[in-house]
Amino acid sequence: MTLYVDVAVLRDSADAMMKIADDFDSAASSIPDAADTGIGAPALAGMLALFTGRASELQTALASYSVALDECASEYEAQDAATAEEVNAALWEK
């Protein structure tokens, strides 16, 4: 069975995931620290805390996924180079 992996697609996907992670990180600075909404302030503060916590987890996961995709691309490139070298060596021996 032959498996073809397009390394450029992996690298593009890694870049896209990192860009999204950076966008989430940038958006975090636009969330207000506190909102004076009167009686609903504690509830709103709780929702904002939950949102920022989950957004931070998502940003970390996206950045980690980006790094993993980039590492996969590097490994596939290394394997392709090693395999090509073996094939070339075998062809020269004949």
PDB file of N, CA and C in Angstrom:
ATOM      1  N   MET A   1       0.836  -1.174   0.000  1.00  0.00           N
ATOM      2  CA  MET A   1       0.000   0.000   0.000  1.00  0.00           C
ATOM      3  C   MET A   1       0.884   1.240   0.000  1.00  0.00           C
ATOM      4  N   THR A   2       0.537   2.183  -0.830  1.00  0.00           N
ATOM      5  CA  THR A   2       1.293   3.422  -0.929  1.00  0.00           C
ATOM      6  C   THR A   2       0.508   4.548  -0.292  1.00  0.00           C
ATOM      7  N   LEU A   3       1.210   5.316   0.492  1.00  0.00           N
ATOM      8  CA  LEU A   3       0.597   6.468   1.144  1.00  0.00           C
ATOM      9  C   LEU A   3       1.305   7.707   0.653  1.00  0.00           C
ATOM     10  N   TYR A   4       0.531   8.599   0.047  1.00  0.00           N
ATOM     11  CA  TYR A   4       1.106   9.859  -0.413  1.00  0.00           C
ATOM     12  C   TYR A   4       0.658  10.971   0.521  1.00  0.00           C
ATOM     13  N   VAL A   5       1.608  11.704   1.021  1.00  0.00           N
ATOM     14  CA  VAL A   5       1.309  12.837   1.902  1.00  0.00           C
ATOM     15  C   VAL A   5       1.876  14.090   1.251  1.00  0.00           C
ATOM     16  N   ASP A   6       1.000  15.045   1.020  1.00  0.00           N
ATOM     17  CA  ASP A   6       1.421  16.323   0.448  1.00  0.00           C
ATOM     18  C   ASP A   6       1.932  17.208   1.583  1.00  0.00           C
ATOM     19  N   VAL A   7       3.224  17.342   1.664  1.00  0.00           N
ATOM     20  CA  VAL A   7       3.861  18.080   2.753  1.00  0.00           C
ATOM     21  C   VAL A   7       3.453  19.552   2.730  1.00  0.00           C
ATOM     22  N   ALA A   8       3.264  20.097   1.538  1.00  0.00           N
ATOM     23  CA  ALA A   8       2.855  21.506   1.431  1.00  0.00           C
ATOM     24  C   ALA A   8       1.485  21.722   2.075  1.00  0.00           C
ATOM     25  N   VAL A   9       0.583  20.752   1.907  1.00  0.00           N
ATOM     26  CA  VAL A   9      -0.742  20.862   2.518  1.00  0.00           C
ATOM     27  C   VAL A   9      -0.614  20.809   4.039  1.00  0.00           C
ATOM     28  N   LEU A  10       0.257  19.933   4.547  1.00  0.00           N
ATOM     29  CA  LEU A  10       0.473  19.873   5.996  1.00  0.00           C
ATOM     30  C   LEU A  10       1.006  21.198   6.519  1.00  0.00           C
ATOM     31  N   ARG A  11       1.960  21.768   5.805  1.00  0.00           N
ATOM     32  CA  ARG A  11       2.542  23.040   6.251  1.00  0.00           C
ATOM     33  C   ARG A  11       1.510  24.178   6.162  1.00  0.00           C
ATOM     34  N   ASP A  12       0.696  24.178   5.102  1.00  0.00           N
ATOM     35  CA  ASP A  12      -0.362  25.194   4.985  1.00  0.00           C
ATOM     36  C   ASP A  12      -1.372  25.055   6.127  1.00  0.00           C
ATOM     37  N   SER A  13      -1.716  23.828   6.464  1.00  0.00           N
ATOM     38  CA  SER A  13      -2.655  23.588   7.566  1.00  0.00           C
ATOM     39  C   SER A  13      -2.053  24.036   8.895  1.00  0.00           C
ATOM     40  N   ALA A  14      -0.775  23.765   9.083  1.00  0.00           N
ATOM     41  CA  ALA A  14      -0.093  24.199  10.308  1.00  0.00           C
ATOM     42  C   ALA A  14      -0.098  25.718  10.413  1.00  0.00           C
ATOM     43  N   ASP A  15       0.187  26.384   9.290  1.00  0.00           N
ATOM     44  CA  ASP A  15       0.180  27.850   9.288  1.00  0.00           C
ATOM     45  C   ASP A  15      -1.219  28.399   9.584  1.00  0.00           C
ATOM     46  N   ALA A  16      -2.246  27.768   9.005  1.00  0.00           N
ATOM     47  CA  ALA A  16      -3.623  28.211   9.236  1.00  0.00           C
ATOM     48  C   ALA A  16      -4.012  28.039  10.697  1.00  0.00           C
ATOM     49  N   MET A  17      -3.641  26.913  11.297  1.00  0.00           N
ATOM     50  CA  MET A  17      -3.961  26.686  12.708  1.00  0.00           C
ATOM     51  C   MET A  17      -3.251  27.704  13.601  1.00  0.00           C
ATOM     52  N   MET A  18      -2.004  28.026  13.279  1.00  0.00           N
ATOM     53  CA  MET A  18      -1.267  28.995  14.087  1.00  0.00           C
ATOM     54  C   MET A  18      -1.873  30.388  13.941  1.00  0.00           C
ATOM     55  N   LYS A  19      -2.327  30.724  12.730  1.00  0.00           N
ATOM     56  CA  LYS A  19      -2.967  32.030  12.521  1.00  0.00           C
ATOM     57  C   LYS A  19      -4.258  32.128  13.342  1.00  0.00           C
ATOM     58  N   ILE A  20      -5.038  31.065  13.354  1.00  0.00           N
ATOM     59  CA  ILE A  20      -6.271  31.055  14.143  1.00  0.00           C
ATOM     60  C   ILE A  20      -5.945  31.173  15.634  1.00  0.00           C
ATOM     61  N   ALA A  21      -4.919  30.452  16.071  1.00  0.00           N
ATOM     62  CA  ALA A  21      -4.504  30.536  17.479  1.00  0.00           C
ATOM     63  C   ALA A  21      -4.083  31.965  17.829  1.00  0.00           C
ATOM     64  N   ASP A  22      -3.345  32.608  16.923  1.00  0.00           N
ATOM     65  CA  ASP A  22      -2.928  33.999  17.158  1.00  0.00           C
ATOM     66  C   ASP A  22      -4.137  34.928  17.199  1.00  0.00           C
ATOM     67  N   ASP A  23      -5.131  34.664  16.333  1.00  0.00           N
ATOM     68  CA  ASP A  23      -6.345  35.480  16.338  1.00  0.00           C
ATOM     69  C   ASP A  23      -7.082  35.359  17.666  1.00  0.00           C
ATOM     70  N   PHE A  24      -7.160  34.147  18.207  1.00  0.00           N
ATOM     71  CA  PHE A  24      -7.798  33.961  19.518  1.00  0.00           C
ATOM     72  C   PHE A  24      -7.020  34.689  20.595  1.00  0.00           C
ATOM     73  N   ASP A  25      -5.703  34.643  20.504  1.00  0.00           N
ATOM     74  CA  ASP A  25      -4.867  35.320  21.488  1.00  0.00           C
ATOM     75  C   ASP A  25      -5.072  36.831  21.416  1.00  0.00           C
ATOM     76  N   SER A  26      -5.179  37.359  20.205  1.00  0.00           N
ATOM     77  CA  SER A  26      -5.414  38.795  20.024  1.00  0.00           C
ATOM     78  C   SER A  26      -6.802  39.201  20.517  1.00  0.00           C
ATOM     79  N   ALA A  27      -7.780  38.341  20.291  1.00  0.00           N
ATOM     80  CA  ALA A  27      -9.147  38.654  20.706  1.00  0.00           C
ATOM     81  C   ALA A  27      -9.269  38.719  22.226  1.00  0.00           C
ATOM     82  N   ALA A  28      -8.422  38.002  22.914  1.00  0.00           N
ATOM     83  CA  ALA A  28      -8.497  37.983  24.382  1.00  0.00           C
ATOM     84  C   ALA A  28      -8.289  39.377  24.971  1.00  0.00           C
ATOM     85  N   SER A  29      -7.475  40.183  24.316  1.00  0.00           N
ATOM     86  CA  SER A  29      -7.216  41.523  24.847  1.00  0.00           C
ATOM     87  C   SER A  29      -8.410  42.458  24.672  1.00  0.00           C
ATOM     88  N   SER A  30      -9.352  42.091  23.815  1.00  0.00           N
ATOM     89  CA  SER A  30     -10.509  42.958  23.592  1.00  0.00           C
ATOM     90  C   SER A  30     -11.665  42.659  24.547  1.00  0.00           C
ATOM     91  N   ILE A  31     -11.542  41.612  25.346  1.00  0.00           N
ATOM     92  CA  ILE A  31     -12.599  41.264  26.297  1.00  0.00           C
ATOM     93  C   ILE A  31     -12.460  42.159  27.526  1.00  0.00           C
ATOM     94  N   PRO A  32     -13.533  42.816  27.951  1.00  0.00           N
ATOM     95  CA  PRO A  32     -13.428  43.715  29.109  1.00  0.00           C
ATOM     96  C   PRO A  32     -13.122  42.946  30.390  1.00  0.00           C
ATOM     97  N   ASP A  33     -12.380  43.589  31.272  1.00  0.00           N
ATOM     98  CA  ASP A  33     -12.061  42.981  32.570  1.00  0.00           C
ATOM     99  C   ASP A  33     -13.297  42.876  33.445  1.00  0.00           C
ATOM    100  N   ALA A  34     -14.087  43.911  33.432  1.00  0.00           N
ATOM    101  CA  ALA A  34     -15.296  43.937  34.251  1.00  0.00           C
ATOM    102  C   ALA A  34     -16.332  44.805  33.557  1.00  0.00           C
ATOM    103  N   ALA A  35     -17.558  44.466  33.810  1.00  0.00           N
ATOM    104  CA  ALA A  35     -18.645  45.255  33.237  1.00  0.00           C
ATOM    105  C   ALA A  35     -19.595  45.650  34.358  1.00  0.00           C
ATOM    106  N   ASP A  36     -19.920  46.921  34.404  1.00  0.00           N
ATOM    107  CA  ASP A  36     -20.843  47.392  35.434  1.00  0.00           C
ATOM    108  C   ASP A  36     -22.260  47.305  34.870  1.00  0.00           C
ATOM    109  N   THR A  37     -22.882  46.169  35.104  1.00  0.00           N
ATOM    110  CA  THR A  37     -24.234  45.952  34.580  1.00  0.00           C
ATOM    111  C   THR A  37     -25.250  45.906  35.706  1.00  0.00           C
ATOM    112  N   GLY A  38     -24.874  46.424  36.836  1.00  0.00           N
ATOM    113  CA  GLY A  38     -25.807  46.447  37.962  1.00  0.00           C
ATOM    114  C   GLY A  38     -25.950  45.073  38.584  1.00  0.00           C
ATOM    115  N   ILE A  39     -27.174  44.650  38.760  1.00  0.00           N
ATOM    116  CA  ILE A  39     -27.447  43.388  39.453  1.00  0.00           C
ATOM    117  C   ILE A  39     -26.918  42.166  38.696  1.00  0.00           C
ATOM    118  N   GLY A  40     -26.764  42.284  37.388  1.00  0.00           N
ATOM    119  CA  GLY A  40     -26.276  41.154  36.592  1.00  0.00           C
ATOM    120  C   GLY A  40     -24.770  41.078  36.485  1.00  0.00           C
ATOM    121  N   ALA A  41     -24.035  41.987  37.131  1.00  0.00           N
ATOM    122  CA  ALA A  41     -22.571  42.029  37.018  1.00  0.00           C
ATOM    123  C   ALA A  41     -21.899  40.721  37.422  1.00  0.00           C
ATOM    124  N   PRO A  42     -22.276  40.091  38.538  1.00  0.00           N
ATOM    125  CA  PRO A  42     -21.611  38.828  38.900  1.00  0.00           C
ATOM    126  C   PRO A  42     -21.835  37.725  37.856  1.00  0.00           C
ATOM    127  N   ALA A  43     -23.050  37.658  37.325  1.00  0.00           N
ATOM    128  CA  ALA A  43     -23.329  36.634  36.310  1.00  0.00           C
ATOM    129  C   ALA A  43     -22.518  36.899  35.048  1.00  0.00           C
ATOM    130  N   LEU A  44     -22.455  38.152  34.623  1.00  0.00           N
ATOM    131  CA  LEU A  44     -21.686  38.505  33.434  1.00  0.00           C
ATOM    132  C   LEU A  44     -20.201  38.248  33.656  1.00  0.00           C
ATOM    133  N   ALA A  45     -19.713  38.580  34.849  1.00  0.00           N
ATOM    134  CA  ALA A  45     -18.302  38.328  35.166  1.00  0.00           C
ATOM    135  C   ALA A  45     -17.999  36.837  35.112  1.00  0.00           C
ATOM    136  N   GLY A  46     -18.916  36.017  35.594  1.00  0.00           N
ATOM    137  CA  GLY A  46     -18.734  34.568  35.534  1.00  0.00           C
ATOM    138  C   GLY A  46     -18.714  34.056  34.110  1.00  0.00           C
ATOM    139  N   MET A  47     -19.600  34.579  33.268  1.00  0.00           N
ATOM    140  CA  MET A  47     -19.630  34.160  31.862  1.00  0.00           C
ATOM    141  C   MET A  47     -18.358  34.580  31.138  1.00  0.00           C
ATOM    142  N   LEU A  48     -17.892  35.804  31.411  1.00  0.00           N
ATOM    143  CA  LEU A  48     -16.648  36.262  30.787  1.00  0.00           C
ATOM    144  C   LEU A  48     -15.463  35.412  31.228  1.00  0.00           C
ATOM    145  N   ALA A  49     -15.427  35.047  32.498  1.00  0.00           N
ATOM    146  CA  ALA A  49     -14.339  34.199  33.004  1.00  0.00           C
ATOM    147  C   ALA A  49     -14.363  32.834  32.327  1.00  0.00           C
ATOM    148  N   LEU A  50     -15.544  32.278  32.179  1.00  0.00           N
ATOM    149  CA  LEU A  50     -15.677  30.982  31.515  1.00  0.00           C
ATOM    150  C   LEU A  50     -15.254  31.079  30.055  1.00  0.00           C
ATOM    151  N   PHE A  51     -15.712  32.118  29.383  1.00  0.00           N
ATOM    152  CA  PHE A  51     -15.371  32.311  27.980  1.00  0.00           C
ATOM    153  C   PHE A  51     -13.873  32.468  27.786  1.00  0.00           C
ATOM    154  N   THR A  52     -13.243  33.314  28.596  1.00  0.00           N
ATOM    155  CA  THR A  52     -11.806  33.539  28.429  1.00  0.00           C
ATOM    156  C   THR A  52     -11.002  32.286  28.767  1.00  0.00           C
ATOM    157  N   GLY A  53     -11.458  31.532  29.748  1.00  0.00           N
ATOM    158  CA  GLY A  53     -10.758  30.287  30.083  1.00  0.00           C
ATOM    159  C   GLY A  53     -10.837  29.278  28.950  1.00  0.00           C
ATOM    160  N   ARG A  54     -12.029  29.113  28.375  1.00  0.00           N
ATOM    161  CA  ARG A  54     -12.197  28.171  27.274  1.00  0.00           C
ATOM    162  C   ARG A  54     -11.469  28.650  26.013  1.00  0.00           C
ATOM    163  N   ALA A  55     -11.493  29.950  25.776  1.00  0.00           N
ATOM    164  CA  ALA A  55     -10.787  30.494  24.612  1.00  0.00           C
ATOM    165  C   ALA A  55      -9.280  30.272  24.748  1.00  0.00           C
ATOM    166  N   SER A  56      -8.779  30.398  25.963  1.00  0.00           N
ATOM    167  CA  SER A  56      -7.358  30.161  26.203  1.00  0.00           C
ATOM    168  C   SER A  56      -7.004  28.697  25.941  1.00  0.00           C
ATOM    169  N   GLU A  57      -7.876  27.787  26.377  1.00  0.00           N
ATOM    170  CA  GLU A  57      -7.644  26.358  26.116  1.00  0.00           C
ATOM    171  C   GLU A  57      -7.666  26.068  24.619  1.00  0.00           C
ATOM    172  N   LEU A  58      -8.613  26.682  23.911  1.00  0.00           N
ATOM    173  CA  LEU A  58      -8.700  26.484  22.461  1.00  0.00           C
ATOM    174  C   LEU A  58      -7.470  27.037  21.762  1.00  0.00           C
ATOM    175  N   GLN A  59      -7.020  28.202  22.187  1.00  0.00           N
ATOM    176  CA  GLN A  59      -5.825  28.798  21.585  1.00  0.00           C
ATOM    177  C   GLN A  59      -4.612  27.902  21.782  1.00  0.00           C
ATOM    178  N   THR A  60      -4.459  27.359  22.974  1.00  0.00           N
ATOM    179  CA  THR A  60      -3.338  26.459  23.264  1.00  0.00           C
ATOM    180  C   THR A  60      -3.420  25.183  22.435  1.00  0.00           C
ATOM    181  N   ALA A  61      -4.622  24.632  22.315  1.00  0.00           N
ATOM    182  CA  ALA A  61      -4.813  23.410  21.526  1.00  0.00           C
ATOM    183  C   ALA A  61      -4.512  23.654  20.050  1.00  0.00           C
ATOM    184  N   LEU A  62      -4.963  24.771  19.511  1.00  0.00           N
ATOM    185  CA  LEU A  62      -4.703  25.087  18.107  1.00  0.00           C
ATOM    186  C   LEU A  62      -3.214  25.276  17.849  1.00  0.00           C
ATOM    187  N   ALA A  63      -2.538  25.965  18.751  1.00  0.00           N
ATOM    188  CA  ALA A  63      -1.097  26.177  18.596  1.00  0.00           C
ATOM    189  C   ALA A  63      -0.353  24.842  18.677  1.00  0.00           C
ATOM    190  N   SER A  64      -0.768  23.965  19.587  1.00  0.00           N
ATOM    191  CA  SER A  64      -0.136  22.645  19.717  1.00  0.00           C
ATOM    192  C   SER A  64      -0.371  21.805  18.468  1.00  0.00           C
ATOM    193  N   TYR A  65      -1.583  21.872  17.938  1.00  0.00           N
ATOM    194  CA  TYR A  65      -1.918  21.141  16.715  1.00  0.00           C
ATOM    195  C   TYR A  65      -1.069  21.642  15.552  1.00  0.00           C
ATOM    196  N   SER A  66      -0.850  22.935  15.501  1.00  0.00           N
ATOM    197  CA  SER A  66      -0.018  23.517  14.454  1.00  0.00           C
ATOM    198  C   SER A  66       1.413  22.984  14.527  1.00  0.00           C
ATOM    199  N   VAL A  67       1.949  22.939  15.727  1.00  0.00           N
ATOM    200  CA  VAL A  67       3.319  22.424  15.913  1.00  0.00           C
ATOM    201  C   VAL A  67       3.390  20.947  15.514  1.00  0.00           C
ATOM    202  N   ALA A  68       2.375  20.170  15.887  1.00  0.00           N
ATOM    203  CA  ALA A  68       2.354  18.748  15.546  1.00  0.00           C
ATOM    204  C   ALA A  68       2.293  18.547  14.033  1.00  0.00           C
ATOM    205  N   LEU A  69       1.490  19.329  13.344  1.00  0.00           N
ATOM    206  CA  LEU A  69       1.409  19.218  11.885  1.00  0.00           C
ATOM    207  C   LEU A  69       2.742  19.565  11.238  1.00  0.00           C
ATOM    208  N   ASP A  70       3.401  20.592  11.753  1.00  0.00           N
ATOM    209  CA  ASP A  70       4.695  20.983  11.204  1.00  0.00           C
ATOM    210  C   ASP A  70       5.735  19.883  11.427  1.00  0.00           C
ATOM    211  N   GLU A  71       5.702  19.253  12.600  1.00  0.00           N
ATOM    212  CA  GLU A  71       6.621  18.144  12.880  1.00  0.00           C
ATOM    213  C   GLU A  71       6.336  16.958  11.946  1.00  0.00           C
ATOM    214  N   CYS A  72       5.062  16.680  11.702  1.00  0.00           N
ATOM    215  CA  CYS A  72       4.696  15.603  10.781  1.00  0.00           C
ATOM    216  C   CYS A  72       5.247  15.882   9.383  1.00  0.00           C
ATOM    217  N   ALA A  73       5.100  17.117   8.936  1.00  0.00           N
ATOM    218  CA  ALA A  73       5.606  17.485   7.611  1.00  0.00           C
ATOM    219  C   ALA A  73       7.115  17.268   7.537  1.00  0.00           C
ATOM    220  N   SER A  74       7.822  17.648   8.579  1.00  0.00           N
ATOM    221  CA  SER A  74       9.282  17.465   8.601  1.00  0.00           C
ATOM    222  C   SER A  74       9.651  15.982   8.573  1.00  0.00           C
ATOM    223  N   GLU A  75       8.914  15.167   9.320  1.00  0.00           N
ATOM    224  CA  GLU A  75       9.184  13.726   9.335  1.00  0.00           C
ATOM    225  C   GLU A  75       8.916  13.093   7.969  1.00  0.00           C
ATOM    226  N   TYR A  76       7.816  13.480   7.337  1.00  0.00           N
ATOM    227  CA  TYR A  76       7.519  12.943   5.998  1.00  0.00           C
ATOM    228  C   TYR A  76       8.585  13.351   4.997  1.00  0.00           C
ATOM    229  N   GLU A  77       9.059  14.593   5.085  1.00  0.00           N
ATOM    230  CA  GLU A  77      10.130  15.037   4.187  1.00  0.00           C
ATOM    231  C   GLU A  77      11.391  14.212   4.398  1.00  0.00           C
ATOM    232  N   ALA A  78      11.735  13.966   5.650  1.00  0.00           N
ATOM    233  CA  ALA A  78      12.940  13.183   5.956  1.00  0.00           C
ATOM    234  C   ALA A  78      12.801  11.748   5.452  1.00  0.00           C
ATOM    235  N   GLN A  79      11.622  11.159   5.644  1.00  0.00           N
ATOM    236  CA  GLN A  79      11.395   9.798   5.166  1.00  0.00           C
ATOM    237  C   GLN A  79      11.438   9.730   3.646  1.00  0.00           C
ATOM    238  N   ASP A  80      10.846  10.725   2.989  1.00  0.00           N
ATOM    239  CA  ASP A  80      10.873  10.755   1.524  1.00  0.00           C
ATOM    240  C   ASP A  80      12.298  10.864   1.011  1.00  0.00           C
ATOM    241  N   ALA A  81      13.107  11.694   1.643  1.00  0.00           N
ATOM    242  CA  ALA A  81      14.495  11.864   1.224  1.00  0.00           C
ATOM    243  C   ALA A  81      15.280  10.568   1.424  1.00  0.00           C
ATOM    244  N   ALA A  82      15.076   9.905   2.548  1.00  0.00           N
ATOM    245  CA  ALA A  82      15.783   8.650   2.818  1.00  0.00           C
ATOM    246  C   ALA A  82      15.360   7.573   1.827  1.00  0.00           C
ATOM    247  N   THR A  83      14.080   7.499   1.551  1.00  0.00           N
ATOM    248  CA  THR A  83      13.585   6.492   0.601  1.00  0.00           C
ATOM    249  C   THR A  83      14.115   6.770  -0.801  1.00  0.00           C
ATOM    250  N   ALA A  84      14.128   8.024  -1.206  1.00  0.00           N
ATOM    251  CA  ALA A  84      14.656   8.380  -2.530  1.00  0.00           C
ATOM    252  C   ALA A  84      16.128   8.013  -2.629  1.00  0.00           C
ATOM    253  N   GLU A  85      16.865   8.219  -1.552  1.00  0.00           N
ATOM    254  CA  GLU A  85      18.282   7.875  -1.545  1.00  0.00           C
ATOM    255  C   GLU A  85      18.480   6.366  -1.691  1.00  0.00           C
ATOM    256  N   GLU A  86      17.656   5.578  -0.993  1.00  0.00           N
ATOM    257  CA  GLU A  86      17.727   4.120  -1.107  1.00  0.00           C
ATOM    258  C   GLU A  86      17.391   3.650  -2.518  1.00  0.00           C
ATOM    259  N   VAL A  87      16.381   4.229  -3.106  1.00  0.00           N
ATOM    260  CA  VAL A  87      15.990   3.861  -4.481  1.00  0.00           C
ATOM    261  C   VAL A  87      17.103   4.215  -5.452  1.00  0.00           C
ATOM    262  N   ASN A  88      17.657   5.406  -5.328  1.00  0.00           N
ATOM    263  CA  ASN A  88      18.753   5.801  -6.215  1.00  0.00           C
ATOM    264  C   ASN A  88      19.966   4.882  -6.056  1.00  0.00           C
ATOM    265  N   ALA A  89      20.298   4.527  -4.828  1.00  0.00           N
ATOM    266  CA  ALA A  89      21.438   3.629  -4.579  1.00  0.00           C
ATOM    267  C   ALA A  89      21.171   2.259  -5.209  1.00  0.00           C
ATOM    268  N   ALA A  90      19.953   1.756  -5.071  1.00  0.00           N
ATOM    269  CA  ALA A  90      19.605   0.453  -5.645  1.00  0.00           C
ATOM    270  C   ALA A  90      19.670   0.488  -7.173  1.00  0.00           C
ATOM    271  N   LEU A  91      19.273   1.581  -7.779  1.00  0.00           N
ATOM    272  CA  LEU A  91      19.305   1.688  -9.226  1.00  0.00           C
ATOM    273  C   LEU A  91      20.738   1.739  -9.747  1.00  0.00           C
ATOM    274  N   TRP A  92      21.643   2.373  -9.009  1.00  0.00           N
ATOM    275  CA  TRP A  92      23.034   2.471  -9.435  1.00  0.00           C
ATOM    276  C   TRP A  92      23.771   1.156  -9.287  1.00  0.00           C
ATOM    277  N   GLU A  93      23.299   0.294  -8.390  1.00  0.00           N
ATOM    278  CA  GLU A  93      23.942  -1.001  -8.178  1.00  0.00           C
ATOM    279  C   GLU A  93      23.688  -1.951  -9.328  1.00  0.00           C
ATOM    280  N   LYS A  94      22.611  -1.764 -10.071  1.00  0.00           N
ATOM    281  CA  LYS A  94      22.252  -2.683 -11.181  1.00  0.00           C
ATOM    282  C   LYS A  94      23.087  -2.486 -12.377  1.00  0.00           C
TER     283      LYS A  94
END
